């Protein structure tokens, strides 16, 4: 790994583009597949003759499988390689996407979306570990911010195009796009080399790696924080578009409003890159928590286009400030088991989001969106404060040598 932050990205063999560009594309389509469903929930429910809660359960299954498979892919990437795992799973998403697009009923759709979530689960964590393996700590948060920016664009386009597809009665087309993109990306990634020096020889087994992670209190803290973050940001975010549709706005308009979330992440990510070195990690996390609370408070006040648009922008800012900082922290806590930490971090993030989506679905079905978003705002406050204090204590511990070595 280039700890000096010099030649940060390896150029894919046989391609004029950089490795970062390919990883950004992978992150883009992984986010696209994950977020396209939110503005289509009401339309899919009507098309398949089921309830909103029933269709929301398919999103919950996606998130739960997306989270649950993270450790599996993380361990396999240690054995098979980061790029190889991304390629194998992307080929698999072609099948999952086609079945999703052709699903005749809710049961088939739920199974197909769960499979898609379990396969797409490998993409972003493998990309994050690739960054950790190839980028020095001095430049790592900026590289991760670039990856997040690509993911944000995917999120924005997914919500906009998903809403448009729902409005036109072509919700199945959205799943087809992700399926096609998965196959193309799998082929393109053939030119991306594994990180320099990557080898499976002498690597510890998965049980040893997991034990090493859970033996570090700071690693456990980061994973736990990620679970709550996933619930607050991704779990409740799912219901912004349905909240607008419940008061008569079309899926296209709802998708455009919530699409501001992705654009906001993109914009706020630029701000994070500018101020990260000056403010410090704890301050960035605290700012993110405040933005989350303000955003969901806006959504709780009333189901208006302005309120939801403000919520999308502020929640996007919360994600940009808090999540990129937590991701960077996760790459530091156990460097010798980085893939395992990142996979557990992502597993917790999406397990939290899946559980929150499932828990909040009955409130959405009853039209109680004010209470739903107020709950998210209230949870965001202690999340931001606790995570900021924990990050500050971690930094202090790292600066205090014990027996001549840095604390982990």
Foldseek 3Di string as FASTA:
>chain_A
DPQVQDPQWDAFPPDPDTPLVLLLLLLLLLLLLLQLCLLQLVLVCVVQVHFSLLSLLLSLLLLLLLLVLLLVLLQVCLVPNLLVLLLVLLLVLLVLLVQCLVPNHSVSNSVSSNSNSNSSSSRNLSSLVQSLLRGHLVCSLLSVLSSLLSNLLSNLCSLQVSLVCSLVVNNSVSSNVSSVSSNVSSVVSVRGDGRPPRDSPPADHSVVLVVVQVVAVLLVVLLQLLLLLLLLQQQLLSCLLLLLVVVPDGSNLSSNLLSLLSVLLNVLSVVCVVCPVPQDLLRLLLQLLQLSLVLLLLVLVGSDSVSSSSSSNSSSNSCSSNVSSSSSVQCPRCVSSSSSSSSSSSSSSSNSSSVSNSVCSVCVSVSVSNVSSNVSSVSSNVSSVVVSVSVVVQVVQQVDDDPNHGGD
